[in-house]
Each structure stands twice: as structure tokens, then as C-alpha cells.
Amino acid sequence: MELKKSMSQKLRMDGRDYSRPGWYFVTLGADYHRHLFGAVEGCEMRPNVLGQLVERCWAEIPQHYGHIVLGAWQVMPNHFHGLVRIVRAGGKGLGEVMNVFKGAVTREWRRRGTNAVAVHSVGSRYSEKEPAPAAVWAPNYYDVICFDADELGVREKYIRANPRRWALRDVPQGMIRQSRYKGNTELLQRPGRRWALRVSRRASETDIVALQNKLAAFDGLVCSTFFSAGERVCLKALQAGKAGIIWVLPMAMPETIATGWTDAFVESRALWLSAFADELHEATRASCEQANHWVERFCEPPIGEGKCHDEA
């Protein structure tokens, strides 16, 4: 009869010796996924007292284990990510190191007295007037083995971008007329200059650079499909600038928001619009023409005003 695997066995790779040298990407969750470690404000994580304790105990791991080197790490409101490298065999395995780390945080937190140090963060049901929970961690942990430099680079980038991804979780979304949207719909009524951005595929590099410089200083509203290569290059200047950005998608609305859009969404100067069916995952010639028509209509200025339209 086959014995049922424990949770730790299910989470670990079969046959893997977790004391072997290599890089490991680990994720540890807070007790019941509660926001115990702080809050993300804007695009930055602000750890509270407990979050700072987690960071300190993690940073001290190499002091206790000479065969351990730490890579990037990030405490988040309800979880923690870190890269751990075992540099030589013969020492304690990853599981024991993680268990000791989690135990150290919990013991120190309880030693300080949770009634005296309350957890307070956005999204947590605990306020400064209530005692913080004695339990800190969810059971066990998750790991991914980084077998090569490419995998390691992907995981490091993921860790460093985590606060920016978190900031995108509360972006408004829904339906407006016949279009799905994500972002600030008030941009549709925003007064001031509007720029219907279209960049020809024949545009030279010099033309595009000049256009980028104009867009970087533009403080009105730019609307585009951002489909051509030149438009996508210009988009980067807009994302780093101060203009409002309306992306009229020539395809279905994406489920996730790329981190390059984070600042624009957090600053409420971005809006995505798509009137196409969820099945249209890629743009077609017809959908691009339709989306460009919507861009032109949206940017038509009132009578007597000049049109801010640019096509290189």
C-alpha cells in the first residue's frame, strides 16, 4: 500500500537532495495569508516592526550557516521571497535552514510580547489598538530550483519587481459602454491637449527620437494603439513622463499589467480600453484599423482648436 505523501513531500522535487549545492528560490507565506509584515505604498514596500524583524533574521542566516549565501530577497505584506545558495555539500539542507529561520522570527516576536507590539498595515484586520497574532508563518514553504543562470535571473527579476506588481492589484477595471477597461476612466473627460499618436513603419530612427523628446515633455493626453514598432518605442518615453496615456487595444484586454506601466497606473494617468472579444488574442489588420479610427475620433478637438496629431 502506497503511503500518502506529506505536504513537504508534495512541495519538494522527488529524489532531490536539498543539501546539494545550488540556487533555490523560496517563498514563505504569512499565517493565513494575513498582511502581517507591512504595506505597499505607491510602488515601495514599507515593512512594519514584524517585517523588519523578518528582514533582520533573514540577513543573519549566513552568520549561522557558513555554506549559505543569500541573493535578492523581498518581504511583502503577506509573504516573503528569497534566493538562497548552498555553496558546498555537507551542511544543513534547505528545509532545516528554513525551519530554523521561521522559528527564530516567531520566537523573537513572542519574546518581545505581541500585546506590546501590534501589527498595523493596509489590508490587515489588526489595528494599532489590537494585539498582534502570535502565529507568524503559514506551514511549510515553496521552492524552485534554479538550474541555470537564466532561471536565476528570472527569479531575481521577479523578486525585485514584486512591490510594483502588488501596486497593480487594485487598478480599477470593468466595462464602460461596449469596452472593457483598466485604469482611470476620468481621463476620458480630462480637458486640455490631446495627441493622437500614430507612427508609420517607415519612420526613421531620427524621427522617432525627436518624437520621443516631444512626448517626454508633453503634459496633455496621448491616445494610441501602440501597435507599430515606433509607437512602442514612444510608449516608453510616455511611461516615464507625465502625460496621460490611453491605450486603445486592437485586441482583447490582457489579464495582467506589465510592470513597465506601474508608475502610470499608480499615478492614475493610464487607461486601457478594448472593445474586442476575449477570443481575439492577437491584433488583425481590421482590428488595428478600427482601433486607429477610435483613436482619431477621441482626439478630435473642439471647433476652433488645432489638432494635436502626429504621424512620422
Protein backbone atom coordinates (compact mmCIF):
# COMPACT_ATOMS: atom_id res chain seq x y z
CA MET A 1 0.00 0.00 0.00
CA GLU A 2 1.38 3.45 -1.00
CA LEU A 3 1.56 5.89 1.88
CA LYS A 4 0.05 9.32 1.34
CA LYS A 5 2.72 11.96 0.85
CA SER A 6 3.09 14.72 3.42
CA MET A 7 2.74 18.37 2.40
CA SER A 8 6.52 18.83 2.44
CA GLN A 9 6.99 15.80 0.20
CA LYS A 10 4.47 17.19 -2.29
CA LEU A 11 6.25 20.55 -2.38
CA ARG A 12 9.75 19.13 -2.88
CA MET A 13 11.22 17.59 -6.03
CA ASP A 14 11.25 13.80 -5.91
CA GLY A 15 14.72 12.41 -5.36
CA ARG A 16 16.32 15.82 -4.84
CA ASP A 17 18.89 16.16 -2.07
CA TYR A 18 18.23 19.66 -0.77
CA SER A 19 21.66 19.87 0.83
CA ARG A 20 23.26 19.80 -2.65
CA PRO A 21 24.96 22.99 -3.85
CA GLY A 22 22.81 25.26 -5.99
CA TRP A 23 20.47 28.24 -6.04
CA TYR A 24 16.97 27.95 -4.56
CA PHE A 25 14.10 30.42 -4.87
CA VAL A 26 11.95 30.16 -1.74
CA THR A 27 8.55 31.59 -0.84
CA LEU A 28 7.21 31.69 2.72
CA GLY A 29 3.64 32.75 3.45
CA ALA A 30 2.29 34.63 6.45
CA ASP A 31 -0.15 32.89 8.78
CA TYR A 32 -3.48 32.57 6.93
CA HIS A 33 -2.15 34.99 4.27
CA ARG A 34 -2.71 37.90 6.62
CA HIS A 35 -0.99 41.22 5.96
CA LEU A 36 1.37 40.98 8.91
CA PHE A 37 4.61 42.41 7.56
CA GLY A 38 3.71 45.93 6.40
CA ALA A 39 2.16 47.58 3.37
CA VAL A 40 3.00 48.57 -0.19
CA GLU A 41 2.76 52.34 -0.56
CA GLY A 42 2.99 53.58 -4.12
CA CYS A 43 5.49 51.13 -5.59
CA GLU A 44 7.55 50.54 -2.45
CA MET A 45 7.19 48.04 0.37
CA ARG A 46 7.11 49.63 3.83
CA PRO A 47 7.84 46.88 6.38
CA ASN A 48 6.41 47.33 9.86
CA VAL A 49 8.14 46.16 13.06
CA LEU A 50 7.47 42.49 12.31
CA GLY A 51 8.53 42.91 8.69
CA GLN A 52 11.79 44.48 9.81
CA LEU A 53 12.35 41.54 12.15
CA VAL A 54 11.86 39.15 9.22
CA GLU A 55 14.45 41.07 7.19
CA ARG A 56 16.97 41.08 10.02
CA CYS A 57 16.66 37.36 10.78
CA TRP A 58 16.96 36.53 7.07
CA ALA A 59 20.09 38.68 6.66
CA GLU A 60 21.70 36.84 9.61
CA ILE A 61 21.35 33.35 8.07
CA PRO A 62 24.94 33.28 6.67
CA GLN A 63 26.25 34.07 10.14
CA HIS A 64 24.87 30.74 11.35
CA TYR A 65 25.48 28.67 8.22
CA GLY A 66 28.85 29.10 6.57
CA HIS A 67 27.76 27.16 3.48
CA ILE A 68 24.86 29.54 2.75
CA VAL A 69 24.96 32.68 0.57
CA LEU A 70 21.91 34.89 0.09
CA GLY A 71 20.77 36.53 -3.11
CA ALA A 72 17.94 39.01 -3.61
CA TRP A 73 15.06 38.96 -1.12
CA GLN A 74 11.85 40.88 -0.56
CA VAL A 75 9.42 40.98 2.33
CA MET A 76 5.83 41.63 1.21
CA PRO A 77 2.64 42.33 3.20
CA ASN A 78 1.67 38.65 3.45
CA HIS A 79 4.65 36.67 2.17
CA PHE A 80 8.40 36.60 1.69
CA HIS A 81 10.61 35.72 -1.31
CA GLY A 82 14.31 34.98 -1.18
CA LEU A 83 17.16 33.42 -3.15
CA VAL A 84 19.38 31.02 -1.23
CA ARG A 85 22.61 29.48 -2.49
CA ILE A 86 24.15 26.39 -0.94
CA VAL A 87 27.82 26.71 -1.91
CA ARG A 88 29.08 23.32 -0.74
CA ALA A 89 27.75 19.94 0.28
CA GLY A 90 27.86 18.51 3.78
CA GLY A 91 25.98 21.23 5.61
CA LYS A 92 22.37 21.55 6.72
CA GLY A 93 19.77 21.21 3.97
CA LEU A 94 17.44 23.90 2.76
CA GLY A 95 14.50 22.56 4.78
CA GLU A 96 16.29 22.78 8.09
CA VAL A 97 17.63 26.27 7.32
CA MET A 98 14.10 27.50 6.50
CA ASN A 99 12.60 25.91 9.61
CA VAL A 100 15.26 27.49 11.84
CA PHE A 101 14.71 30.89 10.21
CA LYS A 102 10.94 30.75 10.64
CA GLY A 103 11.32 29.57 14.24
CA ALA A 104 13.77 32.38 15.04
CA VAL A 105 11.34 35.03 13.78
CA THR A 106 8.43 33.56 15.74
CA ARG A 107 10.41 33.16 18.98
CA GLU A 108 11.76 36.70 18.84
CA TRP A 109 8.31 38.08 18.05
CA ARG A 110 6.78 36.28 21.01
CA ARG A 111 9.68 37.25 23.27
CA ARG A 112 9.03 40.91 22.55
CA GLY A 113 5.42 40.42 23.57
CA THR A 114 2.79 40.67 20.86
CA ASN A 115 0.46 42.62 23.13
CA ALA A 116 3.01 45.42 23.28
CA VAL A 117 3.90 45.47 19.59
CA ALA A 118 0.80 45.47 17.43
CA VAL A 119 0.81 44.87 13.71
CA HIS A 120 -0.80 47.58 11.61
CA SER A 121 -0.89 47.66 7.83
CA VAL A 122 -3.23 48.34 4.94
CA GLY A 123 -5.32 45.23 4.29
CA SER A 124 -4.83 43.77 7.75
CA ARG A 125 -7.69 43.34 10.18
CA TYR A 126 -5.31 44.15 13.03
CA SER A 127 -5.11 47.79 14.11
CA GLU A 128 -2.69 49.54 16.41
CA LYS A 129 -5.17 49.14 19.27
CA GLU A 130 -5.42 45.35 18.95
CA PRO A 131 -2.85 42.71 19.90
CA ALA A 132 -0.92 41.23 17.00
CA PRO A 133 -1.21 37.49 16.31
CA ALA A 134 1.25 35.13 17.98
CA ALA A 135 1.47 32.94 14.88
CA VAL A 136 3.64 34.42 12.13
CA TRP A 137 4.06 31.85 9.37
CA ALA A 138 1.89 29.50 7.34
CA PRO A 139 3.07 25.87 7.45
CA ASN A 140 5.99 24.84 5.23
CA TYR A 141 7.42 26.81 2.29
CA TYR A 142 7.64 26.64 -1.50
CA ASP A 143 10.82 26.35 -3.51
CA VAL A 144 12.02 26.45 -7.11
CA ILE A 145 15.45 25.10 -8.02
CA CYS A 146 17.39 27.47 -10.28
CA PHE A 147 19.28 25.06 -12.52
CA ASP A 148 20.99 27.73 -14.66
CA ALA A 149 21.83 31.43 -14.83
CA ASP A 150 18.79 32.22 -16.96
CA GLU A 151 16.39 30.75 -14.39
CA LEU A 152 18.22 32.56 -11.60
CA GLY A 153 17.94 35.85 -13.48
CA VAL A 154 14.20 35.39 -14.00
CA ARG A 155 13.65 34.73 -10.29
CA GLU A 156 15.78 37.68 -9.22
CA LYS A 157 13.88 40.00 -11.53
CA TYR A 158 10.60 38.61 -10.16
CA ILE A 159 11.66 39.33 -6.58
CA ARG A 160 12.77 42.88 -7.27
CA ALA A 161 9.58 43.72 -9.20
CA ASN A 162 7.25 42.26 -6.57
CA PRO A 163 6.24 45.55 -4.90
CA ARG A 164 5.48 47.05 -8.32
CA ARG A 165 3.27 44.08 -9.24
CA TRP A 166 1.49 44.38 -5.90
CA ALA A 167 0.73 48.04 -6.60
CA LEU A 168 -1.19 46.98 -9.71
CA ARG A 169 -3.61 44.68 -7.88
CA ASP A 170 -6.10 47.47 -7.10
CA VAL A 171 -6.23 49.08 -10.55
CA PRO A 172 -9.94 49.78 -11.34
CA GLN A 173 -11.41 47.64 -14.13
CA GLY A 174 -14.79 46.87 -15.61
CA MET A 175 -17.00 47.82 -18.55
CA ILE A 176 -17.68 51.26 -19.99
CA ARG A 177 -20.19 51.32 -22.82
CA GLN A 178 -19.08 48.41 -25.04
CA SER A 179 -15.45 48.40 -23.92
CA ARG A 180 -13.54 46.67 -21.17
CA TYR A 181 -11.25 48.99 -19.28
CA LYS A 182 -8.43 49.03 -16.76
CA GLY A 183 -7.28 52.25 -15.15
CA ASN A 184 -8.56 55.77 -14.64
CA THR A 185 -11.73 56.38 -16.70
CA GLU A 186 -11.71 60.05 -15.67
CA LEU A 187 -9.05 60.54 -18.33
CA LEU A 188 -11.85 60.30 -20.92
CA GLN A 189 -13.19 63.67 -19.70
CA ARG A 190 -9.81 65.22 -18.99
CA PRO A 191 -9.57 68.74 -20.52
CA GLY A 192 -6.53 70.03 -22.35
CA ARG A 193 -4.44 68.95 -25.30
CA ARG A 194 -4.93 65.52 -26.85
CA TRP A 195 -2.42 63.77 -29.04
CA ALA A 196 -3.50 61.01 -31.43
CA LEU A 197 -0.19 59.20 -31.72
CA ARG A 198 0.48 57.21 -34.88
CA VAL A 199 3.99 56.35 -36.06
CA SER A 200 4.50 54.99 -39.55
CA ARG A 201 6.54 51.84 -40.01
CA ARG A 202 8.62 53.91 -42.44
CA ALA A 203 9.64 56.41 -39.76
CA SER A 204 13.39 56.82 -39.40
CA GLU A 205 15.26 56.41 -36.13
CA THR A 206 15.90 60.18 -36.12
CA ASP A 207 12.17 60.87 -36.48
CA ILE A 208 11.33 58.55 -33.61
CA VAL A 209 13.96 60.03 -31.29
CA ALA A 210 12.62 63.54 -32.00
CA LEU A 211 9.10 62.30 -31.29
CA GLN A 212 10.22 60.71 -28.02
CA ASN A 213 11.68 64.04 -26.88
CA LYS A 214 8.39 65.80 -27.60
CA LEU A 215 6.39 63.17 -25.76
CA ALA A 216 8.67 63.24 -22.73
CA ALA A 217 7.79 66.91 -22.19
CA PHE A 218 4.12 66.65 -23.18
CA ASP A 219 1.68 67.15 -20.30
CA GLY A 220 -1.61 66.52 -22.08
CA LEU A 221 -3.28 63.26 -23.05
CA VAL A 222 -1.84 60.80 -25.57
CA CYS A 223 -4.06 58.19 -27.20
CA SER A 224 -2.74 55.39 -29.41
CA THR A 225 -2.93 51.71 -30.29
CA PHE A 226 0.81 51.46 -29.54
CA PHE A 227 0.97 48.74 -32.17
CA SER A 228 3.75 49.75 -34.56
CA ALA A 229 7.37 49.39 -33.51
CA GLY A 230 7.80 53.17 -33.41
CA GLU A 231 4.72 53.60 -31.23
CA ARG A 232 6.00 51.03 -28.76
CA VAL A 233 9.33 52.87 -28.54
CA CYS A 234 7.47 56.13 -27.89
CA LEU A 235 5.40 54.42 -25.22
CA LYS A 236 8.49 54.03 -23.05
CA ALA A 237 9.00 57.80 -23.09
CA LEU A 238 5.36 58.30 -22.12
CA GLN A 239 5.53 55.81 -19.27
CA ALA A 240 8.48 57.72 -17.81
CA GLY A 241 6.89 61.13 -18.43
CA LYS A 242 3.87 62.97 -17.05
CA ALA A 243 1.27 62.75 -19.83
CA GLY A 244 -1.96 60.83 -19.50
CA ILE A 245 -1.93 57.65 -21.61
CA ILE A 246 -4.93 55.94 -23.20
CA TRP A 247 -4.15 52.66 -24.91
CA VAL A 248 -6.88 51.65 -27.38
CA LEU A 249 -6.11 47.97 -27.77
CA PRO A 250 -6.55 46.34 -31.19
CA MET A 251 -7.12 43.03 -29.41
CA ALA A 252 -8.70 41.62 -26.25
CA MET A 253 -7.90 43.07 -22.84
CA PRO A 254 -4.81 41.40 -21.28
CA GLU A 255 -5.33 39.75 -17.90
CA THR A 256 -2.17 41.17 -16.37
CA ILE A 257 -0.47 44.56 -16.47
CA ALA A 258 3.20 44.72 -17.42
CA THR A 259 5.36 46.30 -14.71
CA GLY A 260 6.51 48.98 -17.18
CA TRP A 261 3.04 50.52 -16.80
CA THR A 262 3.19 50.57 -12.98
CA ASP A 263 4.06 54.25 -12.44
CA ALA A 264 1.43 55.45 -14.90
CA PHE A 265 -1.30 53.35 -13.25
CA VAL A 266 -0.27 54.22 -9.70
CA GLU A 267 -0.28 57.91 -10.65
CA SER A 268 -3.79 57.48 -12.18
CA ARG A 269 -2.65 58.65 -15.61
CA ALA A 270 -3.21 55.41 -17.55
CA LEU A 271 -6.30 53.84 -19.11
CA TRP A 272 -6.63 50.70 -21.24
CA LEU A 273 -9.68 50.25 -23.47
CA SER A 274 -10.70 47.22 -25.53
CA ALA A 275 -13.98 46.62 -27.33
CA PHE A 276 -12.89 43.29 -28.80
CA ALA A 277 -13.92 39.79 -27.80
CA ASP A 278 -11.83 37.86 -25.30
CA GLU A 279 -11.01 35.35 -28.03
CA LEU A 280 -9.08 37.94 -30.08
CA HIS A 281 -5.67 37.38 -28.51
CA GLU A 282 -3.72 38.95 -31.39
CA ALA A 283 -4.41 42.06 -33.44
CA THR A 284 -5.59 41.80 -37.04
CA ARG A 285 -5.43 44.34 -39.83
CA ALA A 286 -9.14 45.02 -39.40
CA SER A 287 -8.90 45.42 -35.62
CA CYS A 288 -5.95 47.81 -35.97
CA GLU A 289 -7.85 49.95 -38.46
CA GLN A 290 -10.87 50.03 -36.17
CA ALA A 291 -8.79 50.91 -33.11
CA ASN A 292 -6.99 53.68 -35.00
CA HIS A 293 -10.37 55.07 -36.05
CA TRP A 294 -11.40 55.23 -32.38
CA VAL A 295 -8.13 56.99 -31.54
CA GLU A 296 -8.79 59.63 -34.20
CA ARG A 297 -12.36 60.20 -33.03
CA PHE A 298 -11.36 60.54 -29.39
CA CYS A 299 -8.71 63.12 -30.22
CA GLU A 300 -10.88 65.32 -32.44
CA PRO A 301 -10.54 68.80 -30.91
CA PRO A 302 -13.43 71.20 -30.31
CA ILE A 303 -14.26 73.59 -33.18
CA GLY A 304 -11.71 76.37 -33.43
CA GLU A 305 -8.86 74.46 -31.78
CA GLY A 306 -5.86 72.98 -33.55
CA LYS A 307 -5.48 69.21 -33.70
CA CYS A 308 -2.51 67.72 -31.91
CA HIS A 309 -1.88 64.77 -34.20
CA ASP A 310 1.47 63.33 -35.16
CA GLU A 311 2.34 60.71 -37.74
CA ALA A 312 6.04 60.45 -38.52
